């Protein structure tokens, strides 16, 4: 009887211990679950702050931004040297008016703050409506119900570069962008047609009612065009890669024209370049040589490498941008391969994308992230936030970049861009392009392209320029770039 009681007691204690163990296990599982949930929340908040907070803050549906207009005078947008590009003028009745001292010249890049906004006025709206005024100004504002002065945006824009670019494009439709290759700082950005932002509110209805009016489109960042021979940069790089850099034995005899699948095409005006090595074929922009090069490439690898070169990819930049597209797939017809290889076909590029790739070539293969703002200051000029240069990605190896740079130098010294050969102030490198295109006009004009860079004493500036439907042979992508190089280095 005593043994039976002892056994019951032992079993009872064992069950108690087991129940306690199960309870402890449940508590442990719940603790682990909430710990994981906590760190996941921290991770999400961190990712939001780094990658998404800016877009949410500046979203036009964010009522917080609208409410700030009632308490803060919108801050100024300044060029890199402090020149005012957008300022707020307050009338005697307290009404704020946004003033753009340069009118049309900075229309797309600086933008405007009414009717939904455009450019930096939209992208940096929250900063401009945030005030880091001193404590006494804040207290005074509370008691007097007056507005505080908003923070200022100090951009990377160079007024002389912007004006040279704007004047060089003239009355043509087109776009241009200039970037400091070593930092990614955008020095200038122009898109035409444009409009005076000082009168945007008065003219708004007429603008949106005009179906053929594209002044709100930033051609430098949002529009994609047939690249013409500037695409030979990508064909050249791919040929170099697929041959492991062993391209010294390349030779070709250009007879001026080729025929394929019932189509006749070739070099401009049927000009025969004769014997060429790879460097001279690139320098003289030989369509025949590059169409043949295209037929030797592994198309699957070509597509993969162009994806890595930022085709079919959203670009990370401060203001709205579009994608470049490359669609040549394995199984494409020989004719389409040949067309694509020298820049016709179905491939499209944005000036921004082409400028970014050119920047990587100029910077030993490393692409710095393009940016428009260097810092934010309070109304007294004290810095409250810095935007430091950062690496976007490595697009090419150093060896590949050196090879591409050498070929781009040949374009200037011996080829189609000899007009910008060394003049004592800078050395230039580049690639010209003429894209055949169809328009709604009676005549069919071509797009004129140039992408390249100039350097002197360690300073390197990249310019990509495009004149759309070129009518005046004297105004080309190349002439625009030369004007910018001259203004910057002279």
Protein backbone atom coordinates (compact mmCIF):
# COMPACT_ATOMS: atom_id res chain seq x y z
CA UNK A 1 0.00 0.00 0.00
CA UNK A 2 2.86 2.31 0.83
CA UNK A 3 4.54 1.52 -2.50
CA UNK A 4 1.33 2.36 -4.40
CA UNK A 5 1.06 5.77 -2.73
CA UNK A 6 4.71 6.45 -3.47
CA UNK A 7 4.23 5.59 -7.13
CA UNK A 8 1.16 7.85 -7.35
CA UNK A 9 3.13 10.66 -5.74
CA UNK A 10 6.04 10.21 -8.14
CA UNK A 11 3.71 10.14 -11.18
CA UNK A 12 1.92 13.22 -9.96
CA UNK A 13 5.20 15.09 -9.54
CA UNK A 14 6.35 13.91 -12.98
CA UNK A 15 3.15 15.24 -14.57
CA UNK A 16 3.62 18.55 -12.79
CA UNK A 17 7.17 18.83 -14.07
CA UNK A 18 6.08 17.92 -17.61
CA UNK A 19 3.31 20.51 -17.52
CA UNK A 20 5.79 23.13 -16.34
CA UNK A 21 8.23 22.12 -19.07
CA UNK A 22 5.51 22.44 -21.72
CA UNK A 23 4.50 25.83 -20.36
CA UNK A 24 8.14 26.97 -20.43
CA UNK A 25 8.50 25.72 -24.00
CA UNK A 26 5.39 27.64 -25.05
CA UNK A 27 6.70 30.77 -23.35
CA UNK A 28 10.04 30.31 -25.11
CA UNK A 29 8.37 29.88 -28.50
CA UNK A 30 6.23 32.96 -27.95
CA UNK A 31 9.31 34.92 -26.85
CA UNK A 32 11.23 33.82 -29.95
CA UNK A 33 8.28 34.73 -32.20
CA UNK A 34 7.96 38.23 -30.78
CA UNK A 35 11.73 38.72 -30.83
CA UNK A 36 11.80 37.84 -34.54
CA UNK A 37 8.79 40.09 -35.11
CA UNK A 38 10.53 42.93 -33.28
CA UNK A 39 13.70 42.68 -35.33
CA UNK A 40 11.68 42.31 -38.55
CA UNK A 41 9.87 45.54 -37.65
CA UNK A 42 13.18 47.25 -36.95
CA UNK A 43 14.49 46.00 -40.30
CA UNK A 44 11.40 47.24 -42.12
CA UNK A 45 11.61 50.66 -40.48
CA UNK A 46 15.31 50.88 -41.35
CA UNK A 47 14.67 49.93 -44.96
CA UNK A 48 11.78 52.39 -45.13
CA UNK A 49 13.91 55.24 -43.79
CA UNK A 50 16.74 54.48 -46.22
CA UNK A 51 14.87 53.58 -49.39
CA UNK A 52 11.24 54.72 -49.27
CA UNK A 53 10.75 57.55 -46.81
CA UNK A 54 11.70 60.25 -49.31
CA UNK A 55 9.13 59.16 -51.88
CA UNK A 56 6.40 58.86 -49.24
CA UNK A 57 7.23 62.24 -47.70
CA UNK A 58 7.18 63.94 -51.11
CA UNK A 59 4.11 62.11 -52.41
CA UNK A 60 1.45 64.55 -53.63
CA UNK A 61 -1.15 62.67 -51.53
CA UNK A 62 0.81 63.30 -48.33
CA UNK A 63 -1.26 65.92 -46.48
CA UNK A 64 1.63 66.64 -44.15
CA UNK A 65 3.43 68.53 -46.95
CA UNK A 66 0.34 70.60 -47.66
CA UNK A 67 -0.05 71.55 -44.02
CA UNK A 68 3.56 72.71 -43.87
CA UNK A 69 2.80 75.40 -46.45
CA UNK A 70 0.70 77.13 -43.82
CA UNK A 71 3.58 77.39 -41.35
CA UNK A 72 6.75 77.66 -43.48
CA UNK A 73 7.91 80.00 -46.24
CA UNK A 74 9.26 77.66 -48.94
CA UNK A 75 13.07 77.58 -48.89
CA UNK A 76 15.32 78.51 -51.79
CA UNK A 77 16.96 76.27 -54.40
CA UNK A 78 20.54 77.35 -55.01
CA UNK A 79 23.21 76.54 -57.57
CA UNK A 80 26.50 75.05 -56.35
CA UNK A 81 28.00 78.56 -56.02
CA UNK A 82 24.99 79.88 -54.09
CA UNK A 83 23.24 81.56 -57.03
CA UNK A 84 19.48 81.56 -56.48
CA UNK A 85 17.54 79.33 -58.87
CA UNK A 86 14.19 79.46 -57.04
CA UNK A 87 13.19 81.81 -54.21
CA UNK A 88 10.06 82.74 -52.32
CA UNK A 89 8.94 86.37 -52.33
CA UNK A 90 6.51 87.37 -49.58
CA UNK A 91 4.16 90.29 -50.21
CA UNK A 92 2.95 92.84 -47.69
CA UNK A 93 -0.23 90.83 -47.26
CA UNK A 94 1.80 87.74 -46.38
CA UNK A 95 1.17 85.99 -49.70
CA UNK A 96 4.07 83.89 -50.98
CA UNK A 97 5.07 83.97 -54.66
CA UNK A 98 7.63 81.58 -56.08
CA UNK A 99 10.21 83.33 -58.30
CA UNK A 100 12.54 81.68 -60.81
CA UNK A 101 15.29 84.21 -61.69
CA UNK A 102 16.56 82.28 -64.74
CA UNK A 103 13.15 81.65 -66.29
CA UNK A 104 13.20 78.78 -68.81
CA UNK A 105 16.87 77.83 -68.35
CA UNK A 106 16.40 75.49 -65.38
CA UNK A 107 12.78 74.55 -66.15
CA UNK A 108 12.96 70.76 -66.05
CA UNK A 109 15.71 70.24 -63.50
CA UNK A 110 14.57 72.82 -60.92
CA UNK A 111 10.91 72.54 -61.91
CA UNK A 112 8.00 74.40 -60.34
CA UNK A 113 6.01 73.92 -57.12
CA UNK A 114 2.42 74.46 -58.35
CA UNK A 115 0.05 72.12 -60.24
CA UNK A 116 1.59 69.01 -58.75
CA UNK A 117 5.16 70.19 -59.12
CA UNK A 118 8.06 69.19 -61.35
CA UNK A 119 11.78 68.54 -60.98
CA UNK A 120 13.54 69.28 -57.72
CA UNK A 121 10.64 71.40 -56.49
CA UNK A 122 8.72 68.14 -56.35
CA UNK A 123 11.49 65.71 -55.36
CA UNK A 124 12.73 67.87 -52.49
CA UNK A 125 9.41 69.40 -51.50
CA UNK A 126 9.59 68.21 -47.89
CA UNK A 127 13.07 69.66 -47.30
CA UNK A 128 12.00 73.03 -48.70
CA UNK A 129 8.99 73.10 -46.38
CA UNK A 130 10.97 72.05 -43.31
CA UNK A 131 12.50 74.71 -41.08
CA UNK A 132 15.57 74.44 -38.86
CA UNK A 133 15.24 78.02 -37.72
CA UNK A 134 16.74 78.85 -34.32
CA UNK A 135 14.72 78.42 -31.13
CA UNK A 136 13.99 82.15 -30.76
CA UNK A 137 12.52 82.32 -34.28
CA UNK A 138 10.39 79.28 -33.50
CA UNK A 139 9.06 80.80 -30.28
CA UNK A 140 8.39 84.12 -32.01
CA UNK A 141 6.56 82.32 -34.80
CA UNK A 142 4.31 80.53 -32.32
CA UNK A 143 3.33 83.73 -30.53
CA UNK A 144 2.87 85.84 -33.68
CA UNK A 145 1.33 83.08 -35.83
CA UNK A 146 3.85 83.99 -38.53
CA UNK A 147 5.61 81.59 -40.86
CA UNK A 148 9.15 80.30 -40.38
CA UNK A 149 11.76 80.47 -43.13
CA UNK A 150 12.19 77.07 -44.79
CA UNK A 151 15.47 75.26 -45.39
CA UNK A 152 17.44 75.77 -48.60
CA UNK A 153 18.58 73.15 -51.09
CA UNK A 154 22.14 73.63 -52.37
CA UNK A 155 22.38 71.81 -55.67
CA UNK A 156 25.34 70.51 -57.66
CA UNK A 157 24.29 72.59 -60.69
CA UNK A 158 26.85 74.84 -62.36
CA UNK A 159 25.25 77.97 -63.82
CA UNK A 160 27.87 78.39 -66.57
CA UNK A 161 27.45 74.76 -67.68
CA UNK A 162 23.66 75.05 -67.67
CA UNK A 163 23.67 78.27 -69.68
CA UNK A 164 26.19 76.96 -72.22
CA UNK A 165 24.10 73.82 -72.68
CA UNK A 166 20.84 75.77 -72.95
CA UNK A 167 22.21 78.28 -75.46
CA UNK A 168 23.89 75.58 -77.57
CA UNK A 169 20.64 73.63 -78.05
CA UNK A 170 18.93 76.83 -79.10
CA UNK A 171 15.39 76.52 -80.42
CA UNK A 172 15.76 72.82 -81.18
CA UNK A 173 14.02 70.01 -79.38
CA UNK A 174 16.51 67.89 -77.49
CA UNK A 175 18.27 67.25 -74.23
CA UNK A 176 21.65 67.30 -72.57
CA UNK A 177 23.13 66.33 -69.24
CA UNK A 178 26.55 66.96 -67.69
CA UNK A 179 28.01 64.91 -64.82
CA UNK A 180 31.20 65.04 -62.77
CA UNK A 181 32.48 61.49 -63.34
CA UNK A 182 34.44 61.31 -60.07
CA UNK A 183 31.52 62.26 -57.79
CA UNK A 184 28.31 61.74 -59.77
CA UNK A 185 27.37 65.39 -59.27
CA UNK A 186 25.02 66.57 -62.02
CA UNK A 187 26.39 69.89 -63.26
CA UNK A 188 23.72 70.68 -65.82
CA UNK A 189 20.50 69.29 -67.29
CA UNK A 190 18.46 70.75 -70.12
CA UNK A 191 15.38 69.51 -71.95
CA UNK A 192 13.58 71.33 -74.75
CA UNK A 193 10.87 72.36 -75.44
CA UNK A 194 10.47 74.09 -72.11
CA UNK A 195 8.46 76.86 -70.48
CA UNK A 196 8.92 79.80 -68.14
CA UNK A 197 8.05 78.45 -64.66
CA UNK A 198 7.12 81.96 -63.54
CA UNK A 199 3.97 81.77 -65.67
CA UNK A 200 3.16 78.08 -65.33
CA UNK A 201 -0.04 78.64 -63.33
CA UNK A 202 -1.46 81.13 -65.84
CA UNK A 203 -0.56 78.92 -68.81
CA UNK A 204 -1.41 75.57 -67.23
CA UNK A 205 -4.72 74.91 -68.96
CA UNK A 206 -3.31 75.67 -72.39
CA UNK A 207 -0.38 73.35 -71.70
CA UNK A 208 -2.45 70.34 -70.71
CA UNK A 209 -5.03 70.94 -73.48
CA UNK A 210 -2.36 70.78 -76.20
CA UNK A 211 -2.05 67.09 -77.16
CA UNK A 212 1.18 67.72 -79.10
CA UNK A 213 2.83 69.67 -76.31
CA UNK A 214 5.52 67.72 -74.46
CA UNK A 215 7.11 70.48 -72.44
CA UNK A 216 6.45 68.67 -69.15
CA UNK A 217 8.51 65.68 -70.33
CA UNK A 218 12.12 65.79 -69.21
CA UNK A 219 13.84 64.38 -72.28
CA UNK A 220 17.15 64.12 -70.44
CA UNK A 221 15.87 61.57 -67.93
CA UNK A 222 12.43 60.31 -68.97
CA UNK A 223 12.46 59.94 -72.76
CA UNK A 224 14.13 57.05 -74.62
CA UNK A 225 15.35 57.44 -78.20
CA UNK A 226 17.01 55.38 -80.91
CA UNK A 227 20.72 55.72 -80.01
CA UNK A 228 22.30 55.59 -83.46
CA UNK A 229 26.03 54.95 -83.41
CA UNK A 230 26.41 55.79 -79.72
CA UNK A 231 25.18 52.20 -79.17
CA UNK A 232 28.46 51.03 -80.70
CA UNK A 233 29.89 51.61 -77.23
CA UNK A 234 27.93 48.57 -76.04
CA UNK A 235 28.66 46.47 -79.13
CA UNK A 236 32.37 47.29 -78.83
CA UNK A 237 32.45 46.40 -75.14
CA UNK A 238 30.61 43.13 -75.74
CA UNK A 239 32.96 42.15 -78.57
CA UNK A 240 35.91 42.85 -76.25
CA UNK A 241 34.37 40.76 -73.47
CA UNK A 242 33.39 37.80 -75.62
CA UNK A 243 36.89 37.68 -77.07
CA UNK A 244 38.51 37.99 -73.63
CA UNK A 245 40.21 41.21 -74.66
CA UNK A 246 41.98 39.60 -77.60
CA UNK A 247 40.80 42.00 -80.29
CA UNK A 248 44.08 43.14 -81.80
CA UNK A 249 43.69 40.84 -84.81
CA UNK A 250 40.37 42.37 -85.90
CA UNK A 251 40.36 43.65 -89.45
CA UNK A 252 37.65 44.61 -91.90
CA UNK A 253 37.42 46.10 -95.38
CA UNK A 254 34.48 48.51 -95.64
CA UNK A 255 32.94 48.87 -99.08
CA UNK A 256 30.34 51.38 -97.92
CA UNK A 257 27.19 49.26 -98.16
CA UNK A 258 25.81 45.85 -97.19
CA UNK A 259 22.71 43.96 -98.22
CA UNK A 260 20.78 41.54 -96.03
CA UNK A 261 17.35 40.00 -96.40
CA UNK A 262 16.46 42.33 -99.24
CA UNK A 263 17.60 45.44 -97.37
CA UNK A 264 20.56 47.61 -98.35
CA UNK A 265 22.25 49.61 -95.62
CA UNK A 266 25.68 50.79 -94.70
CA UNK A 267 27.79 53.79 -93.80
CA UNK A 268 26.50 57.37 -94.26
CA UNK A 269 26.26 58.31 -97.92
CA UNK A 270 27.69 54.92 -98.79
CA UNK A 271 31.20 56.08 -97.86
CA UNK A 272 33.70 53.23 -98.12
CA UNK A 273 36.22 53.32 -95.27
CA UNK A 274 38.46 50.65 -96.78
CA UNK A 275 40.77 48.66 -94.51
CA UNK A 276 40.08 49.10 -90.77
CA UNK A 277 41.24 47.69 -87.49
CA UNK A 278 38.83 47.73 -84.54
CA UNK A 279 39.95 51.14 -83.26
CA UNK A 280 39.57 52.86 -86.63
CA UNK A 281 36.22 51.14 -87.31
CA UNK A 282 34.98 52.68 -84.07
CA UNK A 283 36.62 56.05 -84.73
CA UNK A 284 35.01 56.37 -88.16
CA UNK A 285 31.76 54.85 -86.88
CA UNK A 286 31.68 52.19 -89.59
CA UNK A 287 28.19 50.70 -89.73
CA UNK A 288 29.31 47.89 -92.02
CA UNK A 289 32.07 46.72 -89.66
CA UNK A 290 29.84 46.87 -86.59
CA UNK A 291 26.95 45.08 -88.26
CA UNK A 292 29.35 42.21 -88.99
CA UNK A 293 30.68 42.33 -85.43
CA UNK A 294 27.11 41.95 -84.19
CA UNK A 295 26.67 38.66 -86.07
CA UNK A 296 29.62 37.15 -84.17
CA UNK A 297 28.18 37.78 -80.71
CA UNK A 298 26.45 35.35 -78.38
CA UNK A 299 23.08 37.12 -78.10
CA UNK A 300 22.12 35.56 -74.78
CA UNK A 301 25.29 36.85 -73.19
CA UNK A 302 24.87 40.20 -74.95
CA UNK A 303 21.42 40.61 -73.38
CA UNK A 304 22.72 39.61 -69.93
CA UNK A 305 25.67 42.00 -70.14
CA UNK A 306 23.43 44.86 -71.26
CA UNK A 307 21.17 44.20 -68.29
CA UNK A 308 24.26 44.64 -66.12
CA UNK A 309 24.96 47.85 -68.09
CA UNK A 310 21.59 49.19 -66.82
CA UNK A 311 19.33 48.44 -69.77
CA UNK A 312 15.75 47.48 -68.84
CA UNK A 313 16.44 48.82 -65.35
CA UNK A 314 14.97 51.59 -63.18
CA UNK A 315 17.69 54.17 -62.61
CA UNK A 316 18.28 55.53 -59.13
CA UNK A 317 18.27 59.33 -59.42
CA UNK A 318 16.77 62.27 -57.52
CA UNK A 319 14.07 63.09 -60.10
CA UNK A 320 11.72 61.09 -62.34
CA UNK A 321 13.45 58.94 -64.96
CA UNK A 322 12.62 56.32 -67.57
CA UNK A 323 14.21 53.06 -68.73
CA UNK A 324 16.45 52.26 -71.66
CA UNK A 325 15.36 49.12 -73.46
CA UNK A 326 17.35 46.36 -75.15
CA UNK A 327 15.26 43.58 -76.67
CA UNK A 328 17.58 41.57 -78.93
CA UNK A 329 17.06 37.94 -77.99
CA UNK A 330 18.55 34.63 -79.21
CA UNK A 331 16.85 33.64 -82.45
CA UNK A 332 16.58 37.21 -83.75
CA UNK A 333 16.98 37.57 -87.50
CA UNK A 334 20.43 38.28 -88.86
CA UNK A 335 19.13 41.58 -90.26
CA UNK A 336 17.84 42.70 -86.83
CA UNK A 337 21.15 41.72 -85.22
CA UNK A 338 23.09 43.76 -87.76
CA UNK A 339 20.78 46.77 -87.34
CA UNK A 340 20.96 46.65 -83.55
CA UNK A 341 24.74 46.32 -83.50
CA UNK A 342 25.23 49.78 -85.02
CA UNK A 343 22.40 51.48 -83.13
CA UNK A 344 19.23 51.17 -85.14
CA UNK A 345 16.84 48.25 -84.55
CA UNK A 346 14.47 48.42 -81.59
CA UNK A 347 16.90 49.45 -78.86
CA UNK A 348 16.15 52.75 -77.08
CA UNK A 349 18.26 54.76 -74.64
CA UNK A 350 17.75 57.75 -72.36
CA UNK A 351 20.39 60.50 -72.30
CA UNK A 352 20.75 59.94 -68.55
CA UNK A 353 21.53 56.25 -69.00
CA UNK A 354 24.08 56.93 -71.73
CA UNK A 355 25.71 59.61 -69.57
CA UNK A 356 25.93 57.19 -66.65
CA UNK A 357 27.66 54.51 -68.73
CA UNK A 358 30.03 57.12 -70.12
CA UNK A 359 30.77 58.27 -66.57
CA UNK A 360 31.75 54.73 -65.61
CA UNK A 361 34.15 54.52 -68.57
CA UNK A 362 35.67 57.86 -67.59
CA UNK A 363 36.02 56.75 -63.94
CA UNK A 364 37.93 53.49 -64.50
CA UNK A 365 34.77 51.43 -64.66
CA UNK A 366 33.14 52.70 -61.45
CA UNK A 367 29.83 54.52 -61.74
CA UNK A 368 29.20 57.10 -59.05
CA UNK A 369 25.55 57.67 -58.18
CA UNK A 370 24.17 60.68 -60.08
CA UNK A 371 22.85 63.29 -57.67
CA UNK A 372 21.56 66.86 -57.78
CA UNK A 373 21.89 68.03 -54.17
CA UNK A 374 25.05 68.51 -52.13
CA UNK A 375 23.50 69.75 -48.88
CA UNK A 376 20.53 71.28 -47.09
CA UNK A 377 21.02 74.47 -45.10
CA UNK A 378 18.85 76.46 -42.75
CA UNK A 379 17.81 80.02 -43.60
CA UNK A 380 21.06 81.34 -42.08
CA UNK A 381 23.21 79.11 -44.28
CA UNK A 382 24.14 76.55 -41.64
CA UNK A 383 24.34 72.99 -42.98
CA UNK A 384 21.69 70.66 -41.54
CA UNK A 385 22.20 67.72 -43.89
CA UNK A 386 24.97 66.61 -46.27
CA UNK A 387 24.56 64.35 -49.30
CA UNK A 388 27.86 62.58 -49.82
CA UNK A 389 28.96 61.01 -53.12
CA UNK A 390 28.45 57.24 -53.23
CA UNK A 391 29.25 54.37 -55.57
CA UNK A 392 26.33 53.23 -57.74
CA UNK A 393 28.03 50.12 -59.16
CA UNK A 394 31.07 48.89 -61.03
CA UNK A 395 30.00 48.55 -64.65
CA UNK A 396 33.35 47.70 -66.23
CA UNK A 397 36.71 46.38 -65.14
CA UNK A 398 39.64 48.81 -65.17
CA UNK A 399 41.03 47.05 -68.23
CA UNK A 400 37.74 47.31 -70.09
CA UNK A 401 37.39 50.99 -69.20
CA UNK A 402 40.95 51.72 -70.39
CA UNK A 403 40.24 49.97 -73.71
CA UNK A 404 36.98 51.89 -74.20
CA UNK A 405 38.66 55.17 -73.28
CA UNK A 406 41.39 54.58 -75.85
CA UNK A 407 38.82 53.92 -78.59
CA UNK A 408 36.81 56.99 -77.59
CA UNK A 409 39.98 59.08 -77.81
CA UNK A 410 40.47 57.86 -81.38
CA UNK A 411 37.01 59.22 -82.28
CA UNK A 412 38.29 62.68 -81.33
CA UNK A 413 41.84 62.52 -82.70
CA UNK A 414 41.11 60.73 -85.98
CA UNK A 415 37.38 60.20 -86.41
CA UNK A 416 33.94 61.74 -86.39
CA UNK A 417 34.51 64.10 -83.43
CA UNK A 418 37.82 65.63 -84.50
CA UNK A 419 36.31 69.10 -84.00
CA UNK A 420 36.85 68.72 -80.23
CA UNK A 421 40.43 67.52 -80.41
CA UNK A 422 42.79 68.91 -77.76
CA UNK A 423 42.85 72.72 -77.77
CA UNK A 424 45.11 73.37 -74.80
CA UNK A 425 42.42 73.37 -72.12
CA UNK A 426 41.21 69.77 -72.10
CA UNK A 427 41.52 66.35 -73.67
CA UNK A 428 38.26 64.98 -75.03
CA UNK A 429 36.91 61.47 -75.63
CA UNK A 430 33.59 60.49 -77.13
CA UNK A 431 31.23 58.82 -79.54
CA UNK A 432 28.98 60.51 -82.06
CA UNK A 433 25.73 59.06 -83.34
CA UNK A 434 23.10 59.76 -85.96
CA UNK A 435 19.81 57.93 -85.47
CA UNK A 436 17.50 57.57 -88.44
CA UNK A 437 13.95 58.18 -87.30
CA UNK A 438 10.46 58.70 -88.65
CA UNK A 439 8.42 61.71 -87.60
CA UNK A 440 5.02 63.20 -88.34
CA UNK A 441 6.69 66.03 -90.21
CA UNK A 442 6.85 66.15 -93.99
CA UNK A 443 10.58 65.61 -93.86
CA UNK A 444 12.31 62.89 -91.86
CA UNK A 445 15.13 64.32 -89.79
CA UNK A 446 17.70 62.39 -87.80
CA UNK A 447 18.51 62.54 -84.09
CA UNK A 448 22.06 63.77 -83.53
CA UNK A 449 23.87 62.27 -80.53
CA UNK A 450 27.12 62.71 -78.69
CA UNK A 451 28.29 61.16 -75.47
CA UNK A 452 31.77 61.66 -74.11
CA UNK A 453 33.96 63.36 -71.58
CA UNK A 454 36.77 65.88 -71.24
CA UNK A 455 39.52 65.99 -68.66
CA UNK A 456 42.22 68.31 -67.40
CA UNK A 457 44.33 68.03 -64.25
CA UNK A 458 42.21 65.25 -62.78
CA UNK A 459 38.86 66.94 -63.39
CA UNK A 460 36.55 64.91 -65.64
CA UNK A 461 33.19 66.13 -66.93
CA UNK A 462 30.83 63.90 -68.92
CA UNK A 463 28.34 65.33 -71.43
CA UNK A 464 25.61 63.46 -73.25
CA UNK A 465 23.64 65.58 -75.72
CA UNK A 466 20.91 64.81 -78.24
CA UNK A 467 19.29 67.06 -80.84
CA UNK A 468 15.93 65.61 -81.81
CA UNK A 469 14.91 65.70 -85.50
CA UNK A 470 17.96 67.76 -86.40
CA UNK A 471 17.22 70.42 -89.00
CA UNK A 472 20.33 72.61 -88.72
CA UNK A 473 23.52 70.66 -89.49
CA UNK A 474 25.46 73.22 -87.44
CA UNK A 475 23.66 72.33 -84.21
CA UNK A 476 24.42 68.74 -83.23
CA UNK A 477 24.96 66.69 -80.12
CA UNK A 478 28.68 67.20 -80.69
CA UNK A 479 28.41 70.99 -80.98
CA UNK A 480 26.42 71.12 -77.74
CA UNK A 481 29.04 69.04 -75.92
CA UNK A 482 31.87 71.22 -77.24
CA UNK A 483 30.10 74.34 -75.97
CA UNK A 484 29.82 72.78 -72.50
CA UNK A 485 33.44 71.60 -72.44
CA UNK A 486 34.63 75.05 -73.53
CA UNK A 487 32.52 76.82 -70.90
CA UNK A 488 33.63 74.48 -68.11
CA UNK A 489 37.37 74.38 -68.80
CA UNK A 490 37.89 77.84 -70.23
